[in-house]
Amino acid sequence: MEKGLVFIPFFCYTFAVRMLVRFSCFIGVFAVTGVYAQNNNYPVKGVKQVSEKYEWLDTWGQVIKTEKTASWSYYPNGILNAKFLYNGNNDIATAYHYVLDDDSLIKYEEFYTETNKDWTKSDKYFYKKNAKNPHMSKDEKNTFGYYRYNEKGLLTQQKSVFKNGSIQELRTLAYDADGRLINEAVYQGSNMKLFRYEYVFDQHGHLTERKIFRLPGSAESLVYDKKLFMELSGFDFTQPGELEEHAFYNEKGEMLESLSNYKNGKPMVRKVYNYEYYKSTASGL
């Protein structure tokens, strides 16, 4: 491998993973850092690298297996540099590198897989004149991403569309008066699933929790209502569902851990996150 990246040893490469990485890159890895990154150039202050590991739990909550699964690295200016996904042997299964243009905006993505053992240029991002946020992206298979923002420049919709026009994934995001992301709806067209994300803040405005609920049966109904399917308009963010994941953050908005794979009300997986900072900003502030 080249590119001058430090590869620090999960999933085998799949298109579904690619779509997840595309969105996490675009939104500034909000799911991990929790910072309000509604564009792919939001600086994650002082963070050099974030690593993730899975702890598989038994019904008593004891760890029975641990795996390193992913890591993210950042340029010194805080922009996402790369993401790495690992297999069960702690070897890199897939790597993603984000190349910046002269204005320090992400120009395109390239990825490396253990199968192909080579770098492939993928998602290219397109910006309107003087814009800091892209309005469109396109990958090597002509899958398109479309992005909408509100008057404050916050991302309100992200749609990934296959070449034939069918939707791979559709996300809508809702904010409070202070611009904090409070709710999110995610429709996964390929597997007919609909999720509701809920973000919780303390009295100081710090993000403390994120909950993901799967809404059984609701996704199928979207197919028969084209307008609702295309826009997720009228989506009820208070709609009950099955808890998929419960995450916890520190006061800097950095995810510390998340619990998922619930069975009989008990989590079977704990994801744990560790942070490494640049020396000049060791506190991460």
Protein backbone atom coordinates (compact mmCIF):
# COMPACT_ATOMS: atom_id res chain seq x y z
CA MET A 1 0.00 0.00 0.00
CA GLU A 2 1.11 3.51 -0.71
CA LYS A 3 -0.39 6.97 -0.23
CA GLY A 4 1.73 7.64 2.84
CA LEU A 5 -1.08 6.48 5.13
CA VAL A 6 -0.54 4.75 8.45
CA PHE A 7 -2.63 1.60 8.30
CA ILE A 8 -3.58 0.47 11.74
CA PRO A 9 -5.08 -2.86 11.82
CA PHE A 10 -14.08 -6.20 9.80
CA PHE A 11 -16.11 -6.49 7.22
CA CYS A 12 -15.35 -7.84 3.78
CA TYR A 13 -15.92 -5.19 1.19
CA THR A 14 -19.57 -4.81 0.14
CA PHE A 15 -21.49 -2.09 -1.62
CA ALA A 16 -23.66 -1.62 1.45
CA VAL A 17 -20.56 -0.82 3.49
CA ARG A 18 -19.46 1.61 0.80
CA MET A 19 -22.74 3.50 1.12
CA LEU A 20 -22.39 3.69 4.88
CA VAL A 21 -18.84 4.99 4.62
CA ARG A 22 -19.90 7.53 1.99
CA PHE A 23 -22.46 9.04 4.33
CA SER A 24 -20.24 8.93 7.41
CA CYS A 25 -17.54 10.73 5.45
CA PHE A 26 -19.98 13.26 4.11
CA ILE A 27 -21.48 14.11 7.46
CA GLY A 28 -18.07 14.35 9.08
CA VAL A 29 -18.27 11.00 10.89
CA PHE A 30 -21.06 12.37 13.07
CA ALA A 31 -21.90 8.86 14.22
CA VAL A 32 -18.50 8.57 15.91
CA THR A 33 -17.47 12.06 16.94
CA GLY A 34 -20.94 13.49 17.51
CA VAL A 35 -19.77 16.94 16.42
CA TYR A 36 -22.14 18.91 14.25
CA ALA A 37 -20.67 18.04 10.93
CA GLN A 38 -23.26 18.66 8.28
CA ASN A 39 -20.65 18.71 5.54
CA ASN A 40 -17.68 16.59 4.64
CA ASN A 41 -15.18 19.33 5.50
CA TYR A 42 -16.13 19.98 9.11
CA PRO A 43 -12.92 19.99 11.18
CA VAL A 44 -12.81 17.43 13.99
CA LYS A 45 -10.70 19.56 16.29
CA GLY A 46 -7.43 18.08 17.45
CA VAL A 47 -8.36 14.46 16.73
CA LYS A 48 -5.66 12.50 14.91
CA GLN A 49 -7.28 9.08 14.96
CA VAL A 50 -10.34 7.25 16.29
CA SER A 51 -10.36 3.48 16.70
CA GLU A 52 -13.35 1.18 17.20
CA LYS A 53 -13.54 -2.31 18.69
CA TYR A 54 -16.43 -4.73 19.19
CA GLU A 55 -16.94 -6.54 22.46
CA TRP A 56 -19.30 -9.51 22.11
CA LEU A 57 -21.28 -10.04 25.31
CA ASP A 58 -23.05 -12.99 26.87
CA THR A 59 -26.48 -12.74 28.53
CA TRP A 60 -24.79 -11.68 31.79
CA GLY A 61 -22.98 -8.80 30.09
CA GLN A 62 -19.56 -10.43 30.23
CA VAL A 63 -17.15 -9.99 27.31
CA ILE A 64 -16.63 -13.27 25.44
CA LYS A 65 -14.82 -11.95 22.35
CA THR A 66 -13.13 -8.71 21.26
CA GLU A 67 -12.40 -7.55 17.70
CA LYS A 68 -10.83 -4.44 16.26
CA THR A 69 -13.27 -3.33 13.56
CA ALA A 70 -12.57 0.17 12.23
CA SER A 71 -10.48 3.31 12.57
CA TRP A 72 -10.60 6.86 11.21
CA SER A 73 -7.67 9.23 10.68
CA TYR A 74 -7.76 12.99 10.13
CA TYR A 75 -5.64 15.61 8.43
CA PRO A 76 -4.03 18.16 10.80
CA ASN A 77 -6.74 20.66 9.76
CA GLY A 78 -9.39 18.25 11.08
CA ILE A 79 -10.72 17.00 7.75
CA LEU A 80 -11.29 13.27 7.35
CA ASN A 81 -8.23 11.64 5.79
CA ALA A 82 -9.00 7.93 5.77
CA LYS A 83 -11.13 5.12 7.14
CA PHE A 84 -10.05 1.51 7.64
CA LEU A 85 -12.22 -1.58 8.07
CA TYR A 86 -10.65 -4.76 9.46
CA ASN A 87 -11.37 -8.48 9.15
CA GLY A 88 -11.41 -11.01 11.96
CA ASN A 89 -7.61 -11.33 11.79
CA ASN A 90 -7.07 -7.61 12.45
CA ASP A 91 -5.92 -7.17 8.85
CA ILE A 92 -7.27 -4.37 6.67
CA ALA A 93 -10.20 -5.57 4.59
CA THR A 94 -10.98 -2.18 3.05
CA ALA A 95 -9.38 1.25 3.25
CA TYR A 96 -10.76 4.61 2.12
CA HIS A 97 -8.68 7.71 1.43
CA TYR A 98 -10.13 11.18 0.88
CA VAL A 99 -8.21 13.51 -1.42
CA LEU A 100 -8.59 17.25 -0.90
CA ASP A 101 -8.61 19.99 -3.52
CA ASP A 102 -6.76 23.31 -3.31
CA ASP A 103 -9.51 24.72 -1.06
CA SER A 104 -9.20 21.80 1.40
CA LEU A 105 -12.56 20.39 0.30
CA ILE A 106 -12.89 16.68 -0.31
CA LYS A 107 -12.40 16.19 -4.04
CA TYR A 108 -12.84 12.44 -4.35
CA GLU A 109 -12.64 9.14 -2.51
CA GLU A 110 -10.44 6.19 -3.37
CA PHE A 111 -10.58 2.77 -1.80
CA TYR A 112 -8.37 -0.29 -1.36
CA THR A 113 -9.55 -3.87 -0.74
CA GLU A 114 -7.66 -6.96 0.38
CA THR A 115 -9.17 -8.78 -2.63
CA ASN A 116 -8.06 -6.38 -5.36
CA LYS A 117 -4.95 -5.16 -3.53
CA ASP A 118 -4.99 -1.89 -5.42
CA TRP A 119 -6.39 1.61 -5.10
CA THR A 120 -9.54 2.49 -7.08
CA LYS A 121 -10.82 6.02 -7.51
CA SER A 122 -14.46 6.17 -6.46
CA ASP A 123 -16.82 8.89 -5.26
CA LYS A 124 -16.18 12.29 -6.76
CA TYR A 125 -17.81 15.29 -5.09
CA PHE A 126 -19.29 18.26 -6.95
CA TYR A 127 -19.65 21.77 -5.52
CA LYS A 128 -21.56 24.79 -6.72
CA LYS A 129 -19.63 28.04 -7.03
CA ASN A 130 -18.29 29.26 -3.67
CA ALA A 131 -20.06 26.42 -1.83
CA LYS A 132 -18.40 24.55 1.03
CA ASN A 133 -20.85 21.63 0.84
CA PRO A 134 -21.21 19.36 -2.19
CA HIS A 135 -24.58 19.12 -3.93
CA MET A 136 -23.80 15.83 -5.68
CA SER A 137 -21.41 12.88 -5.71
CA LYS A 138 -20.81 10.11 -8.23
CA ASP A 139 -18.93 6.83 -7.91
CA GLU A 140 -17.21 4.56 -10.44
CA LYS A 141 -20.44 2.56 -10.98
CA ASN A 142 -22.50 5.69 -11.73
CA THR A 143 -24.29 5.62 -8.40
CA PHE A 144 -25.21 9.19 -7.52
CA GLY A 145 -25.54 10.97 -4.20
CA TYR A 146 -27.71 14.10 -3.89
CA TYR A 147 -27.58 16.49 -0.91
CA ARG A 148 -29.97 19.21 0.31
CA TYR A 149 -29.39 21.87 2.96
CA ASN A 150 -31.47 24.39 4.90
CA GLU A 151 -30.90 28.13 5.05
CA LYS A 152 -28.25 27.62 7.75
CA GLY A 153 -26.29 25.24 5.54
CA LEU A 154 -27.25 22.16 7.56
CA LEU A 155 -27.79 18.91 5.71
CA THR A 156 -31.51 18.06 5.54
CA GLN A 157 -31.55 15.23 3.00
CA GLN A 158 -29.09 12.77 1.49
CA LYS A 159 -30.22 10.43 -1.26
CA SER A 160 -28.18 7.68 -2.93
CA VAL A 161 -29.55 6.53 -6.28
CA PHE A 162 -28.49 3.63 -8.48
CA LYS A 163 -27.90 4.14 -12.20
CA ASN A 164 -31.38 2.70 -12.97
CA GLY A 165 -33.01 5.33 -10.75
CA SER A 166 -33.87 3.11 -7.78
CA ILE A 167 -32.98 4.40 -4.33
CA GLN A 168 -30.18 2.75 -2.38
CA GLU A 169 -30.62 4.93 0.69
CA LEU A 170 -32.56 8.04 1.70
CA ARG A 171 -31.96 10.10 4.84
CA THR A 172 -33.79 13.14 6.21
CA LEU A 173 -32.51 15.13 9.18
CA ALA A 174 -34.30 17.49 11.60
CA TYR A 175 -32.75 20.14 13.87
CA ASP A 176 -33.78 22.24 16.83
CA ALA A 177 -33.68 26.05 16.93
CA ASP A 178 -29.99 25.96 17.89
CA GLY A 179 -29.08 23.84 14.87
CA ARG A 180 -28.58 20.63 16.83
CA LEU A 181 -29.42 17.41 15.04
CA ILE A 182 -32.28 15.88 17.06
CA ASN A 183 -33.96 13.39 14.72
CA GLU A 184 -33.09 11.44 11.60
CA ALA A 185 -35.00 9.06 9.36
CA VAL A 186 -33.13 6.50 7.26
CA TYR A 187 -34.68 4.40 4.53
CA GLN A 188 -32.55 1.58 3.14
CA GLY A 189 -34.05 0.73 -0.21
CA SER A 190 -31.99 -2.39 -0.86
CA ASN A 191 -33.25 -4.28 2.20
CA MET A 192 -36.54 -2.44 2.78
CA LYS A 193 -35.72 -1.13 6.26
CA LEU A 194 -36.67 2.15 7.92
CA PHE A 195 -34.87 3.47 10.98
CA ARG A 196 -35.48 6.40 13.33
CA TYR A 197 -32.49 8.05 15.02
CA GLU A 198 -33.04 10.09 18.18
CA TYR A 199 -30.39 12.39 19.70
CA VAL A 200 -30.49 13.43 23.37
CA PHE A 201 -28.78 16.49 24.92
CA ASP A 202 -28.18 17.55 28.51
CA GLN A 203 -29.01 20.94 30.08
CA HIS A 204 -25.71 22.34 28.80
CA GLY A 205 -26.47 21.42 25.20
CA HIS A 206 -23.98 18.55 25.11
CA LEU A 207 -24.88 15.48 23.13
CA THR A 208 -25.18 12.61 25.61
CA GLU A 209 -27.06 9.81 23.84
CA ARG A 210 -28.11 8.53 20.41
CA LYS A 211 -30.78 5.89 20.02
CA ILE A 212 -31.58 3.99 16.82
CA PHE A 213 -35.00 2.38 16.43
CA ARG A 214 -35.97 0.00 13.66
CA LEU A 215 -39.56 0.44 12.48
CA PRO A 216 -40.87 -2.96 11.38
CA GLY A 217 -43.21 -3.03 8.41
CA SER A 218 -43.20 0.72 7.80
CA ALA A 219 -40.62 0.67 5.02
CA GLU A 220 -42.69 -1.59 2.79
CA SER A 221 -45.57 0.89 2.82
CA LEU A 222 -43.32 3.60 1.39
CA VAL A 223 -43.12 1.75 -1.90
CA TYR A 224 -46.82 2.33 -2.47
CA ASP A 225 -46.72 6.07 -1.73
CA LYS A 226 -44.25 7.60 -4.16
CA LYS A 227 -44.20 11.06 -2.61
CA LEU A 228 -43.66 9.69 0.88
CA PHE A 229 -41.06 7.30 -0.49
CA MET A 230 -39.10 10.04 -2.24
CA GLU A 231 -39.16 12.63 0.54
CA LEU A 232 -40.09 10.80 3.76
CA SER A 233 -42.42 13.76 4.21
CA GLY A 234 -44.70 13.58 7.21
CA PHE A 235 -42.47 11.04 8.93
CA ASP A 236 -43.43 10.74 12.59
CA PHE A 237 -40.23 10.99 14.63
CA THR A 238 -42.10 9.87 17.76
CA GLN A 239 -43.11 6.61 16.13
CA PRO A 240 -42.20 3.69 18.42
CA GLY A 241 -39.88 0.97 17.23
CA GLU A 242 -37.46 -1.72 18.27
CA LEU A 243 -34.25 -0.40 19.84
CA GLU A 244 -31.30 -1.24 17.57
CA GLU A 245 -28.50 0.72 19.19
CA HIS A 246 -27.92 3.00 22.19
CA ALA A 247 -24.79 5.17 22.16
CA PHE A 248 -23.21 7.39 24.82
CA TYR A 249 -20.99 10.50 24.39
CA ASN A 250 -18.68 12.65 26.47
CA GLU A 251 -19.05 16.44 26.77
CA LYS A 252 -16.88 16.99 23.68
CA GLY A 253 -19.39 15.04 21.59
CA GLU A 254 -17.11 12.03 21.21
CA MET A 255 -18.83 8.66 21.27
CA LEU A 256 -17.47 6.55 24.12
CA GLU A 257 -19.44 3.37 23.55
CA SER A 258 -22.63 1.99 22.06
CA LEU A 259 -24.76 -1.04 22.84
CA SER A 260 -26.54 -3.03 20.11
CA ASN A 261 -27.83 -6.45 18.97
CA TYR A 262 -30.48 -6.48 21.68
CA LYS A 263 -32.04 -9.81 22.68
CA ASN A 264 -34.72 -9.94 25.36
CA GLY A 265 -33.81 -6.37 26.28
CA LYS A 266 -30.11 -7.08 26.73
CA PRO A 267 -27.32 -5.87 24.40
CA MET A 268 -25.11 -8.53 22.85
CA VAL A 269 -22.50 -6.14 21.38
CA ARG A 270 -20.65 -3.21 22.90
CA LYS A 271 -18.69 -0.89 20.58
CA VAL A 272 -15.88 0.98 22.31
CA TYR A 273 -14.07 4.04 20.90
CA ASN A 274 -10.61 5.40 21.67
CA TYR A 275 -9.19 8.76 20.59
CA GLU A 276 -5.67 9.90 19.73
CA TYR A 277 -4.96 13.62 19.48
CA TYR A 278 -2.37 15.76 17.78
CA LYS A 279 0.26 16.82 20.32
CA SER A 280 -0.46 20.53 19.97
CA THR A 281 -4.07 19.91 21.02
CA ALA A 282 -3.72 16.91 23.27
CA SER A 283 -6.89 17.81 25.13
CA GLY A 284 -8.90 17.43 21.95
CA LEU A 285 -10.25 20.98 22.29
